[in-house]
Amino acid sequence: MEIIEAGLGNGHGAAERAWIAEYKRRGAKLTNITKGGDGGWDGVKQSPEHVAKKAAANRGKKRSPEARARISERQRGKVISPEHRAKLAAAGRGRTITKAAREKLAAANRGKKLSDETRARISAANKNRAPEVYERMAATKRGSKHSPETRSKMSAAHSGKRFSEATREKMSAAQRGKKHSEATREKLALIASQRTSTKRTPASKSRPRNEEARRARLLKTLRPYELARPKQLALTSTGEDG
């Protein structure tokens, strides 16, 4: 075996592709079935049968902690281009996770706790999101409504839950010092006014809203000796001149 090039860094993929192309140009009978790179299937479309065989061969296998660490190290620092992100989004758009798959995912993650370092990285990534990202996330949810079944499930999942004092203090500290924008303040004021106008106390629920009906109800509740002058009493009760 002859080593034709050696080096450090992330240029191994480009170097491999360049040497494969060069030796093919020279007429060498290479066994490479891809253009070279990082060991992937660049330019080769795998058949559904091949994909199924690979999935069956790997199903149930678990990688060792060392292998997982090596994979993590290789992926660390990689930046996905906007074109790659668009392709990933297009490939995943419209996919629906089956109920069985959801149950497997839930069982696999149940009981797991994130480390402080992981929680800090997630928090930092969420804080540094661009405004366009927030707008896209809001646009995907805007106008969508939960079904009655989903609402009942969410209610049942949260009923009886109580936040601990430590959690309540963390939530309070996270919101402390934050200021709502003018648009948000206007929305909150509108929601509060709508709730105030529609909310009625037990006493007001039995009170007629129509003024004439209110006067009639007032006359019915007067004592017998006051019924001799209902018009005067009714007008006096509303502040009108007799």
C-alpha atoms as a PDB file:
ATOM      1  CA  MET A   1       0.000   0.000   0.000  1.00  0.00           C
ATOM      2  CA  GLU A   2       1.314   3.439  -0.898  1.00  0.00           C
ATOM      3  CA  ILE A   3       0.303   6.651   0.853  1.00  0.00           C
ATOM      4  CA  ILE A   4      -0.082   9.304  -1.811  1.00  0.00           C
ATOM      5  CA  GLU A   5      -1.068  12.192   0.466  1.00  0.00           C
ATOM      6  CA  ALA A   6      -1.324  12.922   4.183  1.00  0.00           C
ATOM      7  CA  GLY A   7      -2.475  15.902   6.189  1.00  0.00           C
ATOM      8  CA  LEU A   8      -4.583  17.304   8.995  1.00  0.00           C
ATOM      9  CA  GLY A   9      -7.884  19.179   9.007  1.00  0.00           C
ATOM     10  CA  ASN A  10     -11.175  18.826   7.180  1.00  0.00           C
ATOM     11  CA  GLY A  11      -9.794  18.679   3.639  1.00  0.00           C
ATOM     12  CA  HIS A  12      -9.703  14.881   3.427  1.00  0.00           C
ATOM     13  CA  GLY A  13     -12.996  14.698   1.535  1.00  0.00           C
ATOM     14  CA  ALA A  14     -11.937  17.068  -1.213  1.00  0.00           C
ATOM     15  CA  ALA A  15      -8.539  15.368  -1.465  1.00  0.00           C
ATOM     16  CA  GLU A  16     -10.124  11.922  -1.816  1.00  0.00           C
ATOM     17  CA  ARG A  17     -12.462  13.108  -4.550  1.00  0.00           C
ATOM     18  CA  ALA A  18      -9.586  14.771  -6.395  1.00  0.00           C
ATOM     19  CA  TRP A  19      -7.407  11.628  -6.313  1.00  0.00           C
ATOM     20  CA  ILE A  20     -10.248   9.339  -7.375  1.00  0.00           C
ATOM     21  CA  ALA A  21     -11.002  11.616 -10.317  1.00  0.00           C
ATOM     22  CA  GLU A  22      -7.307  11.756 -11.240  1.00  0.00           C
ATOM     23  CA  TYR A  23      -6.784   7.984 -11.208  1.00  0.00           C
ATOM     24  CA  LYS A  24      -9.983   7.395 -13.167  1.00  0.00           C
ATOM     25  CA  ARG A  25      -8.711   9.885 -15.727  1.00  0.00           C
ATOM     26  CA  ARG A  26      -5.526   7.859 -15.976  1.00  0.00           C
ATOM     27  CA  GLY A  27      -7.599   4.738 -16.662  1.00  0.00           C
ATOM     28  CA  ALA A  28      -7.068   2.997 -13.329  1.00  0.00           C
ATOM     29  CA  LYS A  29      -9.608   0.301 -12.440  1.00  0.00           C
ATOM     30  CA  LEU A  30     -10.805   1.570  -9.078  1.00  0.00           C
ATOM     31  CA  THR A  31     -13.326  -0.194  -6.872  1.00  0.00           C
ATOM     32  CA  ASN A  32     -14.821   3.055  -5.605  1.00  0.00           C
ATOM     33  CA  ILE A  33     -18.518   3.242  -6.428  1.00  0.00           C
ATOM     34  CA  THR A  34     -18.844   6.857  -5.274  1.00  0.00           C
ATOM     35  CA  LYS A  35     -17.040  10.087  -6.070  1.00  0.00           C
ATOM     36  CA  GLY A  36     -15.270   9.887  -2.720  1.00  0.00           C
ATOM     37  CA  GLY A  37     -15.417  12.209   0.246  1.00  0.00           C
ATOM     38  CA  ASP A  38     -16.404  11.264   3.748  1.00  0.00           C
ATOM     39  CA  GLY A  39     -17.460   7.704   3.049  1.00  0.00           C
ATOM     40  CA  GLY A  40     -21.001   8.627   2.046  1.00  0.00           C
ATOM     41  CA  TRP A  41     -23.044   7.851  -1.037  1.00  0.00           C
ATOM     42  CA  ASP A  42     -22.424  11.091  -2.889  1.00  0.00           C
ATOM     43  CA  GLY A  43     -24.119  10.888  -6.297  1.00  0.00           C
ATOM     44  CA  VAL A  44     -25.371   7.307  -5.791  1.00  0.00           C
ATOM     45  CA  LYS A  45     -29.076   6.692  -5.310  1.00  0.00           C
ATOM     46  CA  GLN A  46     -29.735   3.625  -3.214  1.00  0.00           C
ATOM     47  CA  SER A  47     -32.627   1.383  -4.134  1.00  0.00           C
ATOM     48  CA  PRO A  48     -35.505   0.859  -1.663  1.00  0.00           C
ATOM     49  CA  GLU A  49     -34.405  -2.783  -1.269  1.00  0.00           C
ATOM     50  CA  HIS A  50     -30.881  -1.723  -0.338  1.00  0.00           C
ATOM     51  CA  VAL A  51     -32.196   0.808   2.180  1.00  0.00           C
ATOM     52  CA  ALA A  52     -34.471  -1.844   3.714  1.00  0.00           C
ATOM     53  CA  LYS A  53     -31.577  -4.304   4.019  1.00  0.00           C
ATOM     54  CA  LYS A  54     -29.359  -1.742   5.733  1.00  0.00           C
ATOM     55  CA  ALA A  55     -32.165  -0.806   8.124  1.00  0.00           C
ATOM     56  CA  ALA A  56     -32.793  -4.461   8.989  1.00  0.00           C
ATOM     57  CA  ALA A  57     -29.079  -5.101   9.542  1.00  0.00           C
ATOM     58  CA  ASN A  58     -28.736  -2.164  11.929  1.00  0.00           C
ATOM     59  CA  ARG A  59     -32.036  -2.573  13.715  1.00  0.00           C
ATOM     60  CA  GLY A  60     -31.583  -3.311  17.400  1.00  0.00           C
ATOM     61  CA  LYS A  61     -27.864  -2.541  17.393  1.00  0.00           C
ATOM     62  CA  LYS A  62     -26.582  -0.136  20.007  1.00  0.00           C
ATOM     63  CA  ARG A  63     -23.424   1.885  19.611  1.00  0.00           C
ATOM     64  CA  SER A  64     -20.881   1.858  22.403  1.00  0.00           C
ATOM     65  CA  PRO A  65     -20.202   5.091  24.336  1.00  0.00           C
ATOM     66  CA  GLU A  66     -16.840   5.315  22.560  1.00  0.00           C
ATOM     67  CA  ALA A  67     -18.460   5.065  19.118  1.00  0.00           C
ATOM     68  CA  ARG A  68     -21.071   7.645  20.073  1.00  0.00           C
ATOM     69  CA  ALA A  69     -18.321   9.969  21.278  1.00  0.00           C
ATOM     70  CA  ARG A  70     -16.400   9.578  17.992  1.00  0.00           C
ATOM     71  CA  ILE A  71     -19.520  10.347  15.942  1.00  0.00           C
ATOM     72  CA  SER A  72     -20.256  13.377  18.096  1.00  0.00           C
ATOM     73  CA  GLU A  73     -16.704  14.636  17.695  1.00  0.00           C
ATOM     74  CA  ARG A  74     -16.847  14.286  13.907  1.00  0.00           C
ATOM     75  CA  GLN A  75     -20.121  16.207  13.698  1.00  0.00           C
ATOM     76  CA  ARG A  76     -19.095  18.965  16.104  1.00  0.00           C
ATOM     77  CA  GLY A  77     -18.432  22.266  14.397  1.00  0.00           C
ATOM     78  CA  LYS A  78     -20.047  21.347  11.087  1.00  0.00           C
ATOM     79  CA  VAL A  79     -22.140  24.084   9.524  1.00  0.00           C
ATOM     80  CA  ILE A  80     -25.096  23.198   7.315  1.00  0.00           C
ATOM     81  CA  SER A  81     -25.453  25.410   4.279  1.00  0.00           C
ATOM     82  CA  PRO A  82     -28.775  27.161   3.545  1.00  0.00           C
ATOM     83  CA  GLU A  83     -29.259  24.903   0.493  1.00  0.00           C
ATOM     84  CA  HIS A  84     -28.757  21.795   2.633  1.00  0.00           C
ATOM     85  CA  ARG A  85     -31.196  23.116   5.230  1.00  0.00           C
ATOM     86  CA  ALA A  86     -33.773  23.737   2.498  1.00  0.00           C
ATOM     87  CA  LYS A  87     -33.372  20.174   1.201  1.00  0.00           C
ATOM     88  CA  LEU A  88     -33.754  18.719   4.698  1.00  0.00           C
ATOM     89  CA  ALA A  89     -36.883  20.803   5.298  1.00  0.00           C
ATOM     90  CA  ALA A  90     -38.379  19.749   1.939  1.00  0.00           C
ATOM     91  CA  ALA A  91     -37.631  16.073   2.633  1.00  0.00           C
ATOM     92  CA  GLY A  92     -39.285  16.169   6.033  1.00  0.00           C
ATOM     93  CA  ARG A  93     -42.262  18.291   5.043  1.00  0.00           C
ATOM     94  CA  GLY A  94     -45.523  16.388   5.113  1.00  0.00           C
ATOM     95  CA  ARG A  95     -44.172  13.381   6.989  1.00  0.00           C
ATOM     96  CA  THR A  96     -46.368  12.006   9.730  1.00  0.00           C
ATOM     97  CA  ILE A  97     -44.987  10.018  12.649  1.00  0.00           C
ATOM     98  CA  THR A  98     -47.082   6.950  13.358  1.00  0.00           C
ATOM     99  CA  LYS A  99     -48.582   6.328  16.769  1.00  0.00           C
ATOM    100  CA  ALA A 100     -46.276   3.340  17.330  1.00  0.00           C
ATOM    101  CA  ALA A 101     -43.225   5.458  16.490  1.00  0.00           C
ATOM    102  CA  ARG A 102     -44.403   8.194  18.847  1.00  0.00           C
ATOM    103  CA  GLU A 103     -44.781   5.675  21.667  1.00  0.00           C
ATOM    104  CA  LYS A 104     -41.271   4.327  21.012  1.00  0.00           C
ATOM    105  CA  LEU A 105     -39.799   7.828  21.070  1.00  0.00           C
ATOM    106  CA  ALA A 106     -41.642   8.652  24.276  1.00  0.00           C
ATOM    107  CA  ALA A 107     -40.492   5.412  25.936  1.00  0.00           C
ATOM    108  CA  ALA A 108     -36.887   5.986  24.849  1.00  0.00           C
ATOM    109  CA  ASN A 109     -36.803   9.497  26.319  1.00  0.00           C
ATOM    110  CA  ARG A 110     -38.917   8.883  29.407  1.00  0.00           C
ATOM    111  CA  GLY A 111     -36.966   9.451  32.597  1.00  0.00           C
ATOM    112  CA  LYS A 112     -33.981  11.027  30.885  1.00  0.00           C
ATOM    113  CA  LYS A 113     -32.639  14.222  32.395  1.00  0.00           C
ATOM    114  CA  LEU A 114     -30.529  16.735  30.561  1.00  0.00           C
ATOM    115  CA  SER A 115     -27.240  17.728  32.114  1.00  0.00           C
ATOM    116  CA  ASP A 116     -26.608  21.307  33.191  1.00  0.00           C
ATOM    117  CA  GLU A 117     -24.218  21.771  30.273  1.00  0.00           C
ATOM    118  CA  THR A 118     -26.792  20.560  27.755  1.00  0.00           C
ATOM    119  CA  ARG A 119     -29.500  22.746  29.266  1.00  0.00           C
ATOM    120  CA  ALA A 120     -27.155  25.743  29.097  1.00  0.00           C
ATOM    121  CA  ARG A 121     -26.354  25.080  25.419  1.00  0.00           C
ATOM    122  CA  ILE A 122     -30.056  24.770  24.531  1.00  0.00           C
ATOM    123  CA  SER A 123     -30.819  27.977  26.418  1.00  0.00           C
ATOM    124  CA  ALA A 124     -28.007  29.844  24.659  1.00  0.00           C
ATOM    125  CA  ALA A 125     -29.138  28.583  21.239  1.00  0.00           C
ATOM    126  CA  ASN A 126     -32.729  29.701  21.873  1.00  0.00           C
ATOM    127  CA  LYS A 127     -31.645  33.131  23.084  1.00  0.00           C
ATOM    128  CA  ASN A 128     -29.593  33.784  19.972  1.00  0.00           C
ATOM    129  CA  ARG A 129     -32.345  33.040  17.479  1.00  0.00           C
ATOM    130  CA  ALA A 130     -32.804  35.612  14.759  1.00  0.00           C
ATOM    131  CA  PRO A 131     -36.125  37.540  14.556  1.00  0.00           C
ATOM    132  CA  GLU A 132     -36.851  35.827  11.219  1.00  0.00           C
ATOM    133  CA  VAL A 133     -36.766  32.444  12.962  1.00  0.00           C
ATOM    134  CA  TYR A 134     -39.320  33.561  15.546  1.00  0.00           C
ATOM    135  CA  GLU A 135     -41.525  34.931  12.771  1.00  0.00           C
ATOM    136  CA  ARG A 136     -41.388  31.653  10.845  1.00  0.00           C
ATOM    137  CA  MET A 137     -42.254  29.699  13.982  1.00  0.00           C
ATOM    138  CA  ALA A 138     -45.168  32.019  14.723  1.00  0.00           C
ATOM    139  CA  ALA A 139     -46.407  31.824  11.114  1.00  0.00           C
ATOM    140  CA  THR A 140     -46.576  28.027  11.257  1.00  0.00           C
ATOM    141  CA  LYS A 141     -48.788  28.170  14.363  1.00  0.00           C
ATOM    142  CA  ARG A 142     -50.850  31.215  13.430  1.00  0.00           C
ATOM    143  CA  GLY A 143     -54.497  30.332  12.875  1.00  0.00           C
ATOM    144  CA  SER A 144     -54.155  26.716  14.007  1.00  0.00           C
ATOM    145  CA  LYS A 145     -56.586  25.459  16.631  1.00  0.00           C
ATOM    146  CA  HIS A 146     -56.432  22.402  18.847  1.00  0.00           C
ATOM    147  CA  SER A 147     -59.217  19.885  18.461  1.00  0.00           C
ATOM    148  CA  PRO A 148     -61.544  19.245  21.452  1.00  0.00           C
ATOM    149  CA  GLU A 149     -59.815  15.870  21.956  1.00  0.00           C
ATOM    150  CA  THR A 150     -56.384  17.501  22.062  1.00  0.00           C
ATOM    151  CA  ARG A 151     -57.611  20.212  24.432  1.00  0.00           C
ATOM    152  CA  SER A 152     -59.053  17.615  26.790  1.00  0.00           C
ATOM    153  CA  LYS A 153     -55.799  15.639  26.710  1.00  0.00           C
ATOM    154  CA  MET A 154     -53.755  18.747  27.474  1.00  0.00           C
ATOM    155  CA  SER A 155     -56.106  19.662  30.303  1.00  0.00           C
ATOM    156  CA  ALA A 156     -55.922  16.164  31.794  1.00  0.00           C
ATOM    157  CA  ALA A 157     -52.114  16.150  31.535  1.00  0.00           C
ATOM    158  CA  HIS A 158     -51.809  19.445  33.446  1.00  0.00           C
ATOM    159  CA  SER A 159     -54.636  19.047  35.947  1.00  0.00           C
ATOM    160  CA  GLY A 160     -53.406  18.680  39.492  1.00  0.00           C
ATOM    161  CA  LYS A 161     -49.861  19.764  38.654  1.00  0.00           C
ATOM    162  CA  ARG A 162     -48.298  22.308  40.966  1.00  0.00           C
ATOM    163  CA  PHE A 163     -45.028  24.091  40.490  1.00  0.00           C
ATOM    164  CA  SER A 164     -42.553  23.870  43.328  1.00  0.00           C
ATOM    165  CA  GLU A 165     -41.399  27.020  45.074  1.00  0.00           C
ATOM    166  CA  ALA A 166     -37.995  26.727  43.390  1.00  0.00           C
ATOM    167  CA  THR A 167     -39.620  26.433  39.950  1.00  0.00           C
ATOM    168  CA  ARG A 168     -41.924  29.364  40.642  1.00  0.00           C
ATOM    169  CA  GLU A 169     -38.951  31.462  41.702  1.00  0.00           C
ATOM    170  CA  LYS A 170     -37.045  30.527  38.525  1.00  0.00           C
ATOM    171  CA  MET A 171     -40.045  31.451  36.361  1.00  0.00           C
ATOM    172  CA  SER A 172     -40.418  34.741  38.172  1.00  0.00           C
ATOM    173  CA  ALA A 173     -36.714  35.546  37.826  1.00  0.00           C
ATOM    174  CA  ALA A 174     -36.807  34.721  34.106  1.00  0.00           C
ATOM    175  CA  GLN A 175     -39.674  37.176  33.523  1.00  0.00           C
ATOM    176  CA  ARG A 176     -38.332  39.869  35.814  1.00  0.00           C
ATOM    177  CA  GLY A 177     -37.217  42.955  33.950  1.00  0.00           C
ATOM    178  CA  LYS A 178     -38.805  41.955  30.652  1.00  0.00           C
ATOM    179  CA  LYS A 179     -40.893  44.560  28.871  1.00  0.00           C
ATOM    180  CA  HIS A 180     -43.680  43.916  26.417  1.00  0.00           C
ATOM    181  CA  SER A 181     -43.637  45.684  23.085  1.00  0.00           C
ATOM    182  CA  GLU A 182     -46.317  48.228  22.242  1.00  0.00           C
ATOM    183  CA  ALA A 183     -48.074  45.727  19.967  1.00  0.00           C
ATOM    184  CA  THR A 184     -48.100  43.094  22.715  1.00  0.00           C
ATOM    185  CA  ARG A 185     -49.388  45.602  25.273  1.00  0.00           C
ATOM    186  CA  GLU A 186     -52.238  46.559  22.952  1.00  0.00           C
ATOM    187  CA  LYS A 187     -53.148  42.885  22.436  1.00  0.00           C
ATOM    188  CA  LEU A 188     -53.127  42.226  26.188  1.00  0.00           C
ATOM    189  CA  ALA A 189     -55.272  45.318  26.821  1.00  0.00           C
ATOM    190  CA  LEU A 190     -57.767  44.178  24.176  1.00  0.00           C
ATOM    191  CA  ILE A 191     -57.984  40.688  25.679  1.00  0.00           C
ATOM    192  CA  ALA A 192     -58.466  42.145  29.179  1.00  0.00           C
ATOM    193  CA  SER A 193     -61.230  44.474  27.992  1.00  0.00           C
ATOM    194  CA  GLN A 194     -63.034  41.624  26.260  1.00  0.00           C
ATOM    195  CA  ARG A 195     -62.862  39.501  29.381  1.00  0.00           C
ATOM    196  CA  THR A 196     -64.147  42.370  31.511  1.00  0.00           C
ATOM    197  CA  SER A 197     -67.084  43.052  29.190  1.00  0.00           C
ATOM    198  CA  THR A 198     -68.138  39.396  28.998  1.00  0.00           C
ATOM    199  CA  LYS A 199     -67.539  38.441  32.628  1.00  0.00           C
ATOM    200  CA  ARG A 200     -70.569  38.956  34.869  1.00  0.00           C
ATOM    201  CA  THR A 201     -70.842  38.507  38.598  1.00  0.00           C
ATOM    202  CA  PRO A 202     -73.528  36.209  40.077  1.00  0.00           C
ATOM    203  CA  ALA A 203     -75.541  39.272  41.075  1.00  0.00           C
ATOM    204  CA  SER A 204     -75.330  40.835  37.634  1.00  0.00           C
ATOM    205  CA  LYS A 205     -76.335  37.610  35.900  1.00  0.00           C
ATOM    206  CA  SER A 206     -79.871  37.955  37.259  1.00  0.00           C
ATOM    207  CA  ARG A 207     -80.085  41.670  36.400  1.00  0.00           C
ATOM    208  CA  PRO A 208     -81.846  42.517  33.100  1.00  0.00           C
ATOM    209  CA  ARG A 209     -79.713  44.479  30.688  1.00  0.00           C
ATOM    210  CA  ASN A 210     -82.578  46.364  29.068  1.00  0.00           C
ATOM    211  CA  GLU A 211     -83.398  49.624  30.863  1.00  0.00           C
ATOM    212  CA  GLU A 212     -87.160  49.203  30.561  1.00  0.00           C
ATOM    213  CA  ALA A 213     -86.952  45.674  31.882  1.00  0.00           C
ATOM    214  CA  ARG A 214     -84.851  46.976  34.768  1.00  0.00           C
ATOM    215  CA  ARG A 215     -87.520  49.526  35.651  1.00  0.00           C
ATOM    216  CA  ALA A 216     -90.226  46.882  35.500  1.00  0.00           C
ATOM    217  CA  ARG A 217     -88.215  44.654  37.805  1.00  0.00           C
ATOM    218  CA  LEU A 218     -87.703  47.548  40.190  1.00  0.00           C
ATOM    219  CA  LEU A 219     -91.454  48.233  40.364  1.00  0.00           C
ATOM    220  CA  LYS A 220     -92.199  44.596  41.131  1.00  0.00           C
ATOM    221  CA  THR A 221     -89.874  44.662  44.126  1.00  0.00           C
ATOM    222  CA  LEU A 222     -91.395  47.805  45.677  1.00  0.00           C
ATOM    223  CA  ARG A 223     -93.370  47.559  48.869  1.00  0.00           C
ATOM    224  CA  PRO A 224     -97.195  47.639  48.480  1.00  0.00           C
ATOM    225  CA  TYR A 225     -97.596  51.203  49.718  1.00  0.00           C
ATOM    226  CA  GLU A 226     -95.044  52.423  47.155  1.00  0.00           C
ATOM    227  CA  LEU A 227     -96.968  50.951  44.225  1.00  0.00           C
ATOM    228  CA  ALA A 228     -99.380  53.892  44.373  1.00  0.00           C
ATOM    229  CA  ARG A 229     -96.719  56.139  42.795  1.00  0.00           C
ATOM    230  CA  PRO A 230     -94.624  53.818  40.601  1.00  0.00           C
ATOM    231  CA  LYS A 231     -93.825  56.374  37.898  1.00  0.00           C
ATOM    232  CA  GLN A 232     -92.387  58.901  40.321  1.00  0.00           C
ATOM    233  CA  LEU A 233     -90.337  56.254  42.124  1.00  0.00           C
ATOM    234  CA  ALA A 234     -89.080  54.768  38.899  1.00  0.00           C
ATOM    235  CA  LEU A 235     -88.028  58.126  37.505  1.00  0.00           C
ATOM    236  CA  THR A 236     -86.422  59.137  40.787  1.00  0.00           C
ATOM    237  CA  SER A 237     -84.425  55.894  40.903  1.00  0.00           C
ATOM    238  CA  THR A 238     -82.846  56.670  37.519  1.00  0.00           C
ATOM    239  CA  GLY A 239     -82.106  60.291  38.277  1.00  0.00           C
ATOM    240  CA  GLU A 240     -84.657  61.692  35.751  1.00  0.00           C
ATOM    241  CA  ASP A 241     -86.871  64.723  36.384  1.00  0.00           C
ATOM    242  CA  GLY A 242     -90.566  64.008  37.356  1.00  0.00           C
END
